Protein backbone atom coordinates (compact mmCIF):
# COMPACT_ATOMS: atom_id res chain seq x y z
CA MET A 1 -12.29 -25.73 10.19
CA SER A 2 -9.46 -24.47 7.98
CA GLU A 3 -7.56 -21.27 8.58
CA GLN A 4 -8.22 -18.22 6.46
CA PRO A 5 -5.53 -17.71 3.79
CA VAL A 6 -3.18 -14.80 4.40
CA ALA A 7 -1.60 -12.80 1.58
CA GLN A 8 2.16 -13.29 1.52
CA PRO A 9 4.53 -10.42 0.69
CA ALA A 10 5.36 -10.27 -3.01
CA THR A 11 7.23 -7.01 -3.42
CA ALA A 12 9.06 -8.00 -6.60
CA GLU A 13 5.79 -8.99 -8.26
CA LEU A 14 4.09 -5.77 -7.13
CA LEU A 15 6.97 -3.73 -8.56
CA ALA A 16 6.73 -5.68 -11.83
CA LEU A 17 3.01 -4.94 -11.97
CA ALA A 18 3.71 -1.24 -11.44
CA ALA A 19 6.35 -1.22 -14.18
CA ALA A 20 4.05 -3.03 -16.61
CA THR A 21 0.93 -0.99 -15.96
CA ARG A 22 2.25 2.48 -15.10
CA PRO A 23 5.41 3.45 -17.00
CA ASP A 24 5.08 6.94 -15.48
CA ILE A 25 5.84 5.54 -12.00
CA ASN A 26 9.48 5.44 -10.96
CA VAL A 27 9.77 1.84 -9.79
CA ARG A 28 12.84 2.58 -7.67
CA ASP A 29 10.94 5.27 -5.80
CA LEU A 30 8.07 2.84 -5.27
CA GLU A 31 10.53 0.21 -4.07
CA GLY A 32 11.94 2.67 -1.55
CA LEU A 33 8.49 3.57 -0.28
CA LEU A 34 7.54 -0.08 0.11
CA ALA A 35 10.81 -0.73 1.97
CA GLU A 36 10.10 2.16 4.37
CA VAL A 37 6.65 0.81 5.09
CA ALA A 38 7.94 -2.75 5.56
CA GLU A 39 10.59 -1.51 7.99
CA ALA A 40 7.96 0.36 10.00
CA GLY A 41 5.86 -2.80 10.19
CA LYS A 42 2.57 -1.00 9.59
CA PRO A 43 0.32 -1.29 7.75
CA THR A 44 0.21 -5.02 7.06
CA TRP A 45 1.16 -6.48 3.69
CA PRO A 46 -2.46 -7.01 2.55
CA VAL A 47 -3.15 -3.31 3.14
CA VAL A 48 0.08 -2.27 1.38
CA MET A 49 -0.75 -4.50 -1.58
CA ALA A 50 -4.35 -3.27 -1.87
CA GLN A 51 -3.40 0.40 -1.52
CA THR A 52 -0.61 0.06 -4.08
CA VAL A 53 -2.78 -1.70 -6.66
CA GLY A 54 -5.51 0.87 -6.04
CA MET A 55 -3.05 3.73 -6.58
CA LEU A 56 -1.92 2.15 -9.85
CA ALA A 57 -5.48 1.61 -11.06
CA ARG A 58 -6.71 5.08 -10.10
CA GLY A 59 -3.83 6.86 -11.83
CA GLU A 60 -2.59 8.38 -8.59
CA ASP A 61 1.05 9.05 -7.80
CA LEU A 62 3.46 7.92 -5.10
CA TRP A 63 2.57 10.88 -2.90
CA ASP A 64 -1.01 9.63 -2.71
CA LEU A 65 0.24 6.16 -1.84
CA ARG A 66 2.56 7.50 0.85
CA ILE A 67 -0.35 9.34 2.48
CA ALA A 68 -2.59 6.27 2.25
CA LEU A 69 0.06 4.08 3.87
CA THR A 70 1.24 6.44 6.59
CA ASP A 71 -1.95 8.27 7.61
CA PRO A 72 -3.74 6.16 10.23
CA LEU A 73 -7.09 7.67 9.22
CA LYS A 74 -6.61 6.42 5.66
CA GLN A 75 -5.68 2.94 6.89
CA ASN A 76 -8.71 2.51 9.12
CA PRO A 77 -11.92 4.16 7.91
CA GLU A 78 -13.58 3.24 11.22
CA SER A 79 -11.24 5.62 13.06
CA ARG A 80 -12.67 8.56 11.11
CA ARG A 81 -16.07 7.92 12.61
CA ARG A 82 -14.88 8.24 16.19
CA THR A 83 -15.15 11.57 17.92
CA HIS A 84 -12.55 12.39 20.56
CA PHE A 85 -13.37 15.06 23.10
């Protein structure tokens, strides 16, 4: 049985995609945000990549991406369903 493929970090390529598809996004600001997230170690690269591409496609801004990447409830929809008493 073969192992499941794992997405490898490709920050430069993600920044190039942002520059090509969303000229309104400041790529240096995006680079800084991605560096902050990478330094924190959470979320994982596949989540960062998916959230970033989603933000680009939906026409959202970096603030929306920052919230999506730093708010644990946004990272794990299952956690929203739990009730803590």
